[in-house]
């Protein structure tokens, strides 16, 4: 992609973030979507409208896959995947852990990703084979390789089996390491991995492409290791069950826990 394309993706993410800042801390009116746990607010909708206004103008021929508006097929090899508010429940509760996520896929493989955390004013960007950046500065994964010192994050889809979630989290909690994070804002968790703040990120089944489309690329471009949850090489970028880690040693350690649960 061209430099101006990345700038336009960033501009769109910032436009969505501006809307989120306006609504954050106010009383909202959540509307249920697929389940009680899956809902939208006027903030989600407003953010997406602001994002699409820019992207449809700058990338008129690209397909669009937006969380709220749905899919628009323009017959292009490129698809822009948008999550206007990743971490809606946190947002409604007044917890400032949420973000805007935008990814560009070419034939189902990510070529660019932008994640914007509007409260911290942090812009994470990555292009395929060009590295990952935070506010223009290159970022890399953590150098920690001792599993006892690692922090591992976990996310899954709304419809995931509750007993399975409890089993995985119990296995993680009973293992010897620093901390387990269950933040319900996966896009930003990938950024934490990419910027060296955490050491591993488990993405379980049911997670949507707009949740991980940009974050997976950002983590990979920062140096993260990727496999599916059985430890095999991932064949499809759209696979919704995968493990990202900062080192082989930690990756194997987390895989061992997952297999035992």
C-alpha atoms as a PDB file:
ATOM      1  CA  UNK A   1       0.000   0.000   0.000  1.00  0.00           C
ATOM      2  CA  UNK A   2       1.062   3.606  -0.510  1.00  0.00           C
ATOM      3  CA  UNK A   3       1.977   5.954   2.339  1.00  0.00           C
ATOM      4  CA  UNK A   4      -1.130   8.032   1.683  1.00  0.00           C
ATOM      5  CA  UNK A   5      -3.273   4.899   2.050  1.00  0.00           C
ATOM      6  CA  UNK A   6      -1.906   4.250   5.531  1.00  0.00           C
ATOM      7  CA  UNK A   7      -2.420   7.908   6.415  1.00  0.00           C
ATOM      8  CA  UNK A   8      -6.051   7.649   5.330  1.00  0.00           C
ATOM      9  CA  UNK A   9      -6.561   4.537   7.437  1.00  0.00           C
ATOM     10  CA  UNK A  10      -5.104   6.397  10.415  1.00  0.00           C
ATOM     11  CA  UNK A  11      -7.264   9.427   9.658  1.00  0.00           C
ATOM     12  CA  UNK A  12     -10.362   7.220   9.619  1.00  0.00           C
ATOM     13  CA  UNK A  13      -9.408   5.544  12.907  1.00  0.00           C
ATOM     14  CA  UNK A  14      -8.861   8.939  14.508  1.00  0.00           C
ATOM     15  CA  UNK A  15     -12.252  10.133  13.255  1.00  0.00           C
ATOM     16  CA  UNK A  16     -13.886   7.152  14.922  1.00  0.00           C
ATOM     17  CA  UNK A  17     -11.889   7.753  18.075  1.00  0.00           C
ATOM     18  CA  UNK A  18     -13.043  11.364  18.195  1.00  0.00           C
ATOM     19  CA  UNK A  19     -16.660  10.175  18.295  1.00  0.00           C
ATOM     20  CA  UNK A  20     -15.855   7.686  21.054  1.00  0.00           C
ATOM     21  CA  UNK A  21     -14.242  10.372  23.191  1.00  0.00           C
ATOM     22  CA  UNK A  22     -17.406  12.447  22.850  1.00  0.00           C
ATOM     23  CA  UNK A  23     -19.585   9.625  24.176  1.00  0.00           C
ATOM     24  CA  UNK A  24     -17.240   8.136  26.751  1.00  0.00           C
ATOM     25  CA  UNK A  25     -18.470   8.583  30.328  1.00  0.00           C
ATOM     26  CA  UNK A  26     -22.045   9.366  29.285  1.00  0.00           C
ATOM     27  CA  UNK A  27     -25.150   7.241  29.890  1.00  0.00           C
ATOM     28  CA  UNK A  28     -25.731   5.134  26.780  1.00  0.00           C
ATOM     29  CA  UNK A  29     -28.570   2.990  25.454  1.00  0.00           C
ATOM     30  CA  UNK A  30     -27.218  -0.470  24.539  1.00  0.00           C
ATOM     31  CA  UNK A  31     -29.119  -2.451  21.894  1.00  0.00           C
ATOM     32  CA  UNK A  32     -28.840  -6.233  21.902  1.00  0.00           C
ATOM     33  CA  UNK A  33     -27.508  -7.890  18.719  1.00  0.00           C
ATOM     34  CA  UNK A  34     -26.831 -11.644  18.692  1.00  0.00           C
ATOM     35  CA  UNK A  35     -26.877 -12.306  22.458  1.00  0.00           C
ATOM     36  CA  UNK A  36     -27.232 -10.504  25.783  1.00  0.00           C
ATOM     37  CA  UNK A  37     -23.447 -10.130  25.793  1.00  0.00           C
ATOM     38  CA  UNK A  38     -23.264  -8.820  22.201  1.00  0.00           C
ATOM     39  CA  UNK A  39     -24.662  -5.321  21.876  1.00  0.00           C
ATOM     40  CA  UNK A  40     -24.115  -1.951  20.283  1.00  0.00           C
ATOM     41  CA  UNK A  41     -24.521   1.652  21.407  1.00  0.00           C
ATOM     42  CA  UNK A  42     -24.888   4.997  19.708  1.00  0.00           C
ATOM     43  CA  UNK A  43     -21.123   5.326  20.173  1.00  0.00           C
ATOM     44  CA  UNK A  44     -20.425   2.209  18.034  1.00  0.00           C
ATOM     45  CA  UNK A  45     -22.748   3.439  15.309  1.00  0.00           C
ATOM     46  CA  UNK A  46     -21.448   7.012  15.363  1.00  0.00           C
ATOM     47  CA  UNK A  47     -17.833   5.897  15.259  1.00  0.00           C
ATOM     48  CA  UNK A  48     -18.470   3.576  12.318  1.00  0.00           C
ATOM     49  CA  UNK A  49     -20.254   6.299  10.338  1.00  0.00           C
ATOM     50  CA  UNK A  50     -17.306   8.643  10.817  1.00  0.00           C
ATOM     51  CA  UNK A  51     -14.871   5.930   9.738  1.00  0.00           C
ATOM     52  CA  UNK A  52     -16.864   4.893   6.683  1.00  0.00           C
ATOM     53  CA  UNK A  53     -17.292   8.478   5.525  1.00  0.00           C
ATOM     54  CA  UNK A  54     -13.538   8.663   5.014  1.00  0.00           C
ATOM     55  CA  UNK A  55     -12.851   5.118   3.842  1.00  0.00           C
ATOM     56  CA  UNK A  56     -15.612   5.004   1.230  1.00  0.00           C
ATOM     57  CA  UNK A  57     -14.271   8.222  -0.261  1.00  0.00           C
ATOM     58  CA  UNK A  58     -10.598   7.208  -0.230  1.00  0.00           C
ATOM     59  CA  UNK A  59     -11.087   3.514  -1.120  1.00  0.00           C
ATOM     60  CA  UNK A  60     -14.274   3.516  -3.235  1.00  0.00           C
ATOM     61  CA  UNK A  61     -13.531   0.211  -4.983  1.00  0.00           C
ATOM     62  CA  UNK A  62     -12.615  -1.811  -1.892  1.00  0.00           C
ATOM     63  CA  UNK A  63     -15.007  -4.256  -0.230  1.00  0.00           C
ATOM     64  CA  UNK A  64     -16.155  -3.272   3.249  1.00  0.00           C
ATOM     65  CA  UNK A  65     -16.726  -5.559   6.235  1.00  0.00           C
ATOM     66  CA  UNK A  66     -17.902  -3.372   9.119  1.00  0.00           C
ATOM     67  CA  UNK A  67     -19.152  -4.710  12.441  1.00  0.00           C
ATOM     68  CA  UNK A  68     -22.340  -2.630  12.513  1.00  0.00           C
ATOM     69  CA  UNK A  69     -23.145  -1.974   8.832  1.00  0.00           C
ATOM     70  CA  UNK A  70     -22.142  -5.419   7.616  1.00  0.00           C
ATOM     71  CA  UNK A  71     -20.555  -6.401   4.295  1.00  0.00           C
ATOM     72  CA  UNK A  72     -20.395  -4.500   1.008  1.00  0.00           C
ATOM     73  CA  UNK A  73     -19.025  -6.537  -1.901  1.00  0.00           C
ATOM     74  CA  UNK A  74     -17.559  -4.372  -4.651  1.00  0.00           C
ATOM     75  CA  UNK A  75     -15.846  -7.269  -6.370  1.00  0.00           C
ATOM     76  CA  UNK A  76     -12.412  -6.148  -5.194  1.00  0.00           C
ATOM     77  CA  UNK A  77      -9.448  -8.278  -4.110  1.00  0.00           C
ATOM     78  CA  UNK A  78      -9.138  -5.865  -1.163  1.00  0.00           C
ATOM     79  CA  UNK A  79     -11.448  -5.780   1.853  1.00  0.00           C
ATOM     80  CA  UNK A  80     -11.397  -3.238   4.669  1.00  0.00           C
ATOM     81  CA  UNK A  81     -12.417  -4.776   7.994  1.00  0.00           C
ATOM     82  CA  UNK A  82     -13.659  -2.345  10.651  1.00  0.00           C
ATOM     83  CA  UNK A  83     -14.416  -2.556  14.349  1.00  0.00           C
ATOM     84  CA  UNK A  84     -15.549   0.953  15.340  1.00  0.00           C
ATOM     85  CA  UNK A  85     -15.481   0.143  19.055  1.00  0.00           C
ATOM     86  CA  UNK A  86     -13.636  -2.926  20.266  1.00  0.00           C
ATOM     87  CA  UNK A  87     -14.471  -3.285  23.945  1.00  0.00           C
ATOM     88  CA  UNK A  88     -18.051  -1.998  23.960  1.00  0.00           C
ATOM     89  CA  UNK A  89     -18.868  -3.397  27.404  1.00  0.00           C
ATOM     90  CA  UNK A  90     -15.801  -1.724  28.895  1.00  0.00           C
ATOM     91  CA  UNK A  91     -16.861   1.504  27.192  1.00  0.00           C
ATOM     92  CA  UNK A  92     -20.400   1.362  28.635  1.00  0.00           C
ATOM     93  CA  UNK A  93     -19.022   0.668  32.118  1.00  0.00           C
ATOM     94  CA  UNK A  94     -16.707   3.659  31.892  1.00  0.00           C
ATOM     95  CA  UNK A  95     -13.551   1.532  31.711  1.00  0.00           C
ATOM     96  CA  UNK A  96     -11.107   3.250  29.305  1.00  0.00           C
ATOM     97  CA  UNK A  97      -9.911  -0.008  27.729  1.00  0.00           C
ATOM     98  CA  UNK A  98     -11.254   0.043  24.174  1.00  0.00           C
ATOM     99  CA  UNK A  99     -10.093   0.933  20.695  1.00  0.00           C
ATOM    100  CA  UNK A 100     -10.871   1.427  17.008  1.00  0.00           C
ATOM    101  CA  UNK A 101      -9.546  -1.308  14.713  1.00  0.00           C
ATOM    102  CA  UNK A 102      -9.158  -1.191  10.920  1.00  0.00           C
ATOM    103  CA  UNK A 103      -7.496  -3.863   8.771  1.00  0.00           C
ATOM    104  CA  UNK A 104      -6.986  -4.197   5.026  1.00  0.00           C
ATOM    105  CA  UNK A 105      -7.054  -7.719   3.618  1.00  0.00           C
ATOM    106  CA  UNK A 106      -5.807  -8.727   0.184  1.00  0.00           C
ATOM    107  CA  UNK A 107      -7.183 -12.103  -0.862  1.00  0.00           C
ATOM    108  CA  UNK A 108      -7.854 -12.951   2.802  1.00  0.00           C
ATOM    109  CA  UNK A 109      -4.356 -11.999   3.995  1.00  0.00           C
ATOM    110  CA  UNK A 110      -3.767  -8.831   6.013  1.00  0.00           C
ATOM    111  CA  UNK A 111      -1.561  -6.225   4.352  1.00  0.00           C
ATOM    112  CA  UNK A 112      -2.191  -3.287   6.695  1.00  0.00           C
ATOM    113  CA  UNK A 113      -3.632  -2.649  10.132  1.00  0.00           C
ATOM    114  CA  UNK A 114      -4.362   0.343  12.356  1.00  0.00           C
ATOM    115  CA  UNK A 115      -5.552   0.292  15.965  1.00  0.00           C
ATOM    116  CA  UNK A 116      -6.277   3.544  17.776  1.00  0.00           C
ATOM    117  CA  UNK A 117      -6.701   3.890  21.544  1.00  0.00           C
ATOM    118  CA  UNK A 118      -8.422   7.292  21.790  1.00  0.00           C
ATOM    119  CA  UNK A 119      -8.093   7.872  25.539  1.00  0.00           C
ATOM    120  CA  UNK A 120      -4.318   7.333  25.509  1.00  0.00           C
ATOM    121  CA  UNK A 121      -4.022   8.796  21.981  1.00  0.00           C
ATOM    122  CA  UNK A 122      -2.034   5.765  20.874  1.00  0.00           C
ATOM    123  CA  UNK A 123      -1.935   4.843  17.189  1.00  0.00           C
ATOM    124  CA  UNK A 124      -0.592   1.392  16.346  1.00  0.00           C
ATOM    125  CA  UNK A 125       0.160   0.694  12.662  1.00  0.00           C
ATOM    126  CA  UNK A 126       1.632  -2.125  10.623  1.00  0.00           C
ATOM    127  CA  UNK A 127       2.136  -3.020   6.989  1.00  0.00           C
ATOM    128  CA  UNK A 128       3.034  -6.478   5.775  1.00  0.00           C
ATOM    129  CA  UNK A 129       6.847  -6.922   5.911  1.00  0.00           C
ATOM    130  CA  UNK A 130       7.397  -3.319   7.046  1.00  0.00           C
ATOM    131  CA  UNK A 131       7.297  -3.618  10.832  1.00  0.00           C
ATOM    132  CA  UNK A 132       4.948  -2.325  13.529  1.00  0.00           C
ATOM    133  CA  UNK A 133       4.796   1.189  14.955  1.00  0.00           C
ATOM    134  CA  UNK A 134       3.308   3.126  17.856  1.00  0.00           C
ATOM    135  CA  UNK A 135       2.840   6.831  17.182  1.00  0.00           C
ATOM    136  CA  UNK A 136       5.509   6.602  14.495  1.00  0.00           C
ATOM    137  CA  UNK A 137       8.088   4.748  16.588  1.00  0.00           C
ATOM    138  CA  UNK A 138       8.981   1.142  15.785  1.00  0.00           C
ATOM    139  CA  UNK A 139       7.917  -1.393  18.401  1.00  0.00           C
ATOM    140  CA  UNK A 140       9.072  -4.924  19.225  1.00  0.00           C
ATOM    141  CA  UNK A 141       7.858  -7.785  21.371  1.00  0.00           C
ATOM    142  CA  UNK A 142       9.097  -8.383  24.923  1.00  0.00           C
ATOM    143  CA  UNK A 143      12.444 -10.109  25.484  1.00  0.00           C
ATOM    144  CA  UNK A 144      11.159 -12.064  28.489  1.00  0.00           C
ATOM    145  CA  UNK A 145      11.479 -15.821  27.966  1.00  0.00           C
ATOM    146  CA  UNK A 146      10.957 -17.110  31.511  1.00  0.00           C
ATOM    147  CA  UNK A 147       7.320 -18.335  31.723  1.00  0.00           C
ATOM    148  CA  UNK A 148       7.239 -17.429  35.424  1.00  0.00           C
ATOM    149  CA  UNK A 149       7.622 -13.761  34.456  1.00  0.00           C
ATOM    150  CA  UNK A 150       5.095 -13.709  31.623  1.00  0.00           C
ATOM    151  CA  UNK A 151       1.662 -12.132  31.360  1.00  0.00           C
ATOM    152  CA  UNK A 152      -0.758 -13.986  29.095  1.00  0.00           C
ATOM    153  CA  UNK A 153      -4.047 -12.565  27.792  1.00  0.00           C
ATOM    154  CA  UNK A 154      -7.128 -14.518  26.716  1.00  0.00           C
ATOM    155  CA  UNK A 155     -10.103 -13.702  24.512  1.00  0.00           C
ATOM    156  CA  UNK A 156     -12.934 -15.665  22.910  1.00  0.00           C
ATOM    157  CA  UNK A 157     -16.225 -15.227  21.083  1.00  0.00           C
ATOM    158  CA  UNK A 158     -19.524 -14.449  22.784  1.00  0.00           C
ATOM    159  CA  UNK A 159     -20.947 -17.869  21.937  1.00  0.00           C
ATOM    160  CA  UNK A 160     -17.988 -19.883  23.194  1.00  0.00           C
ATOM    161  CA  UNK A 161     -18.717 -22.770  25.546  1.00  0.00           C
ATOM    162  CA  UNK A 162     -18.691 -21.467  29.130  1.00  0.00           C
ATOM    163  CA  UNK A 163     -17.218 -24.640  30.603  1.00  0.00           C
ATOM    164  CA  UNK A 164     -14.431 -24.511  28.010  1.00  0.00           C
ATOM    165  CA  UNK A 165     -13.624 -20.910  28.980  1.00  0.00           C
ATOM    166  CA  UNK A 166     -13.562 -21.818  32.668  1.00  0.00           C
ATOM    167  CA  UNK A 167     -11.319 -24.805  31.930  1.00  0.00           C
ATOM    168  CA  UNK A 168      -8.771 -22.735  30.005  1.00  0.00           C
ATOM    169  CA  UNK A 169      -8.742 -19.896  32.514  1.00  0.00           C
ATOM    170  CA  UNK A 170      -8.455 -22.358  35.413  1.00  0.00           C
ATOM    171  CA  UNK A 171      -5.512 -24.046  33.711  1.00  0.00           C
ATOM    172  CA  UNK A 172      -3.839 -20.695  33.220  1.00  0.00           C
ATOM    173  CA  UNK A 173      -4.517 -19.549  36.779  1.00  0.00           C
ATOM    174  CA  UNK A 174      -3.119 -22.752  38.262  1.00  0.00           C
ATOM    175  CA  UNK A 175       0.116 -22.473  36.272  1.00  0.00           C
ATOM    176  CA  UNK A 176       3.161 -20.600  37.491  1.00  0.00           C
ATOM    177  CA  UNK A 177       3.447 -17.227  35.815  1.00  0.00           C
ATOM    178  CA  UNK A 178       3.009 -13.537  36.539  1.00  0.00           C
ATOM    179  CA  UNK A 179      -0.553 -12.717  35.474  1.00  0.00           C
ATOM    180  CA  UNK A 180      -3.550 -13.752  33.348  1.00  0.00           C
ATOM    181  CA  UNK A 181      -5.431 -10.904  31.632  1.00  0.00           C
ATOM    182  CA  UNK A 182      -9.046 -11.252  30.475  1.00  0.00           C
ATOM    183  CA  UNK A 183      -9.715  -7.723  29.273  1.00  0.00           C
ATOM    184  CA  UNK A 184     -12.584  -8.098  26.752  1.00  0.00           C
ATOM    185  CA  UNK A 185     -10.779  -5.774  24.384  1.00  0.00           C
ATOM    186  CA  UNK A 186      -8.695  -8.076  22.158  1.00  0.00           C
ATOM    187  CA  UNK A 187      -7.578  -5.481  19.616  1.00  0.00           C
ATOM    188  CA  UNK A 188      -5.675  -3.581  22.282  1.00  0.00           C
ATOM    189  CA  UNK A 189      -4.331  -6.824  23.794  1.00  0.00           C
ATOM    190  CA  UNK A 190      -2.563  -7.564  20.500  1.00  0.00           C
ATOM    191  CA  UNK A 191      -1.003  -4.117  20.754  1.00  0.00           C
ATOM    192  CA  UNK A 192       0.179  -4.853  24.289  1.00  0.00           C
ATOM    193  CA  UNK A 193       1.902  -7.957  22.945  1.00  0.00           C
ATOM    194  CA  UNK A 194       3.399  -6.063  20.012  1.00  0.00           C
ATOM    195  CA  UNK A 195       4.771  -3.305  22.241  1.00  0.00           C
ATOM    196  CA  UNK A 196       6.370  -5.682  24.764  1.00  0.00           C
ATOM    197  CA  UNK A 197       3.882  -5.195  27.604  1.00  0.00           C
ATOM    198  CA  UNK A 198       2.656  -8.816  27.675  1.00  0.00           C
ATOM    199  CA  UNK A 199       4.220 -12.033  26.416  1.00  0.00           C
ATOM    200  CA  UNK A 200       1.387 -14.150  24.998  1.00  0.00           C
ATOM    201  CA  UNK A 201      -2.149 -13.802  23.645  1.00  0.00           C
ATOM    202  CA  UNK A 202      -4.656 -16.662  23.319  1.00  0.00           C
ATOM    203  CA  UNK A 203      -7.470 -16.115  20.836  1.00  0.00           C
ATOM    204  CA  UNK A 204     -10.155 -18.775  21.183  1.00  0.00           C
ATOM    205  CA  UNK A 205     -12.938 -19.744  18.785  1.00  0.00           C
ATOM    206  CA  UNK A 206     -15.787 -17.391  17.915  1.00  0.00           C
ATOM    207  CA  UNK A 207     -13.662 -14.253  17.762  1.00  0.00           C
ATOM    208  CA  UNK A 208     -14.619 -12.178  14.713  1.00  0.00           C
ATOM    209  CA  UNK A 209     -12.235 -11.050  11.968  1.00  0.00           C
ATOM    210  CA  UNK A 210     -12.835  -7.402  12.858  1.00  0.00           C
ATOM    211  CA  UNK A 211     -11.623  -8.184  16.405  1.00  0.00           C
ATOM    212  CA  UNK A 212      -8.258  -9.576  15.308  1.00  0.00           C
ATOM    213  CA  UNK A 213      -7.775  -8.482  11.670  1.00  0.00           C
ATOM    214  CA  UNK A 214      -5.467  -5.572  12.465  1.00  0.00           C
ATOM    215  CA  UNK A 215      -4.092  -6.791  15.796  1.00  0.00           C
ATOM    216  CA  UNK A 216      -2.763 -10.102  14.536  1.00  0.00           C
ATOM    217  CA  UNK A 217      -0.757  -8.338  11.813  1.00  0.00           C
ATOM    218  CA  UNK A 218       0.586  -5.716  14.231  1.00  0.00           C
ATOM    219  CA  UNK A 219       1.773  -8.437  16.625  1.00  0.00           C
ATOM    220  CA  UNK A 220       3.364 -10.450  13.821  1.00  0.00           C
ATOM    221  CA  UNK A 221       5.160  -7.417  12.412  1.00  0.00           C
ATOM    222  CA  UNK A 222       6.518  -6.720  15.899  1.00  0.00           C
ATOM    223  CA  UNK A 223       8.073 -10.197  15.931  1.00  0.00           C
ATOM    224  CA  UNK A 224       5.446 -12.450  17.518  1.00  0.00           C
ATOM    225  CA  UNK A 225       5.243 -16.201  16.867  1.00  0.00           C
ATOM    226  CA  UNK A 226       1.924 -17.545  15.518  1.00  0.00           C
ATOM    227  CA  UNK A 227       0.354 -21.018  15.471  1.00  0.00           C
ATOM    228  CA  UNK A 228      -3.125 -22.439  15.858  1.00  0.00           C
ATOM    229  CA  UNK A 229      -4.082 -23.631  19.344  1.00  0.00           C
ATOM    230  CA  UNK A 230      -2.711 -27.109  18.681  1.00  0.00           C
ATOM    231  CA  UNK A 231       0.711 -25.704  17.810  1.00  0.00           C
ATOM    232  CA  UNK A 232       0.429 -26.191  14.052  1.00  0.00           C
ATOM    233  CA  UNK A 233       1.312 -23.565  11.461  1.00  0.00           C
ATOM    234  CA  UNK A 234      -1.682 -21.390  10.692  1.00  0.00           C
ATOM    235  CA  UNK A 235      -2.851 -21.776   7.092  1.00  0.00           C
ATOM    236  CA  UNK A 236      -5.674 -19.225   7.005  1.00  0.00           C
ATOM    237  CA  UNK A 237      -5.340 -15.664   8.349  1.00  0.00           C
ATOM    238  CA  UNK A 238      -9.069 -15.674   9.073  1.00  0.00           C
ATOM    239  CA  UNK A 239      -8.674 -18.594  11.495  1.00  0.00           C
ATOM    240  CA  UNK A 240     -10.317 -17.477  14.751  1.00  0.00           C
ATOM    241  CA  UNK A 241      -8.397 -19.797  17.123  1.00  0.00           C
ATOM    242  CA  UNK A 242      -4.702 -19.046  17.469  1.00  0.00           C
ATOM    243  CA  UNK A 243      -1.825 -18.314  19.806  1.00  0.00           C
ATOM    244  CA  UNK A 244       0.631 -15.436  19.549  1.00  0.00           C
ATOM    245  CA  UNK A 245       3.720 -15.288  21.761  1.00  0.00           C
ATOM    246  CA  UNK A 246       6.976 -13.377  22.046  1.00  0.00           C
ATOM    247  CA  UNK A 247       9.289 -16.422  22.192  1.00  0.00           C
ATOM    248  CA  UNK A 248       9.460 -20.139  21.407  1.00  0.00           C
ATOM    249  CA  UNK A 249       9.868 -21.054  25.086  1.00  0.00           C
ATOM    250  CA  UNK A 250       6.790 -19.155  26.227  1.00  0.00           C
ATOM    251  CA  UNK A 251       4.809 -20.317  23.210  1.00  0.00           C
ATOM    252  CA  UNK A 252       5.497 -23.970  24.039  1.00  0.00           C
ATOM    253  CA  UNK A 253       4.653 -23.365  27.703  1.00  0.00           C
ATOM    254  CA  UNK A 254       1.238 -21.880  26.875  1.00  0.00           C
ATOM    255  CA  UNK A 255       0.515 -24.615  24.324  1.00  0.00           C
ATOM    256  CA  UNK A 256       1.214 -27.234  27.012  1.00  0.00           C
ATOM    257  CA  UNK A 257      -1.341 -25.566  29.306  1.00  0.00           C
ATOM    258  CA  UNK A 258      -3.939 -25.417  26.525  1.00  0.00           C
ATOM    259  CA  UNK A 259      -3.455 -29.088  25.662  1.00  0.00           C
ATOM    260  CA  UNK A 260      -3.860 -30.080  29.315  1.00  0.00           C
ATOM    261  CA  UNK A 261      -7.201 -28.246  29.557  1.00  0.00           C
END
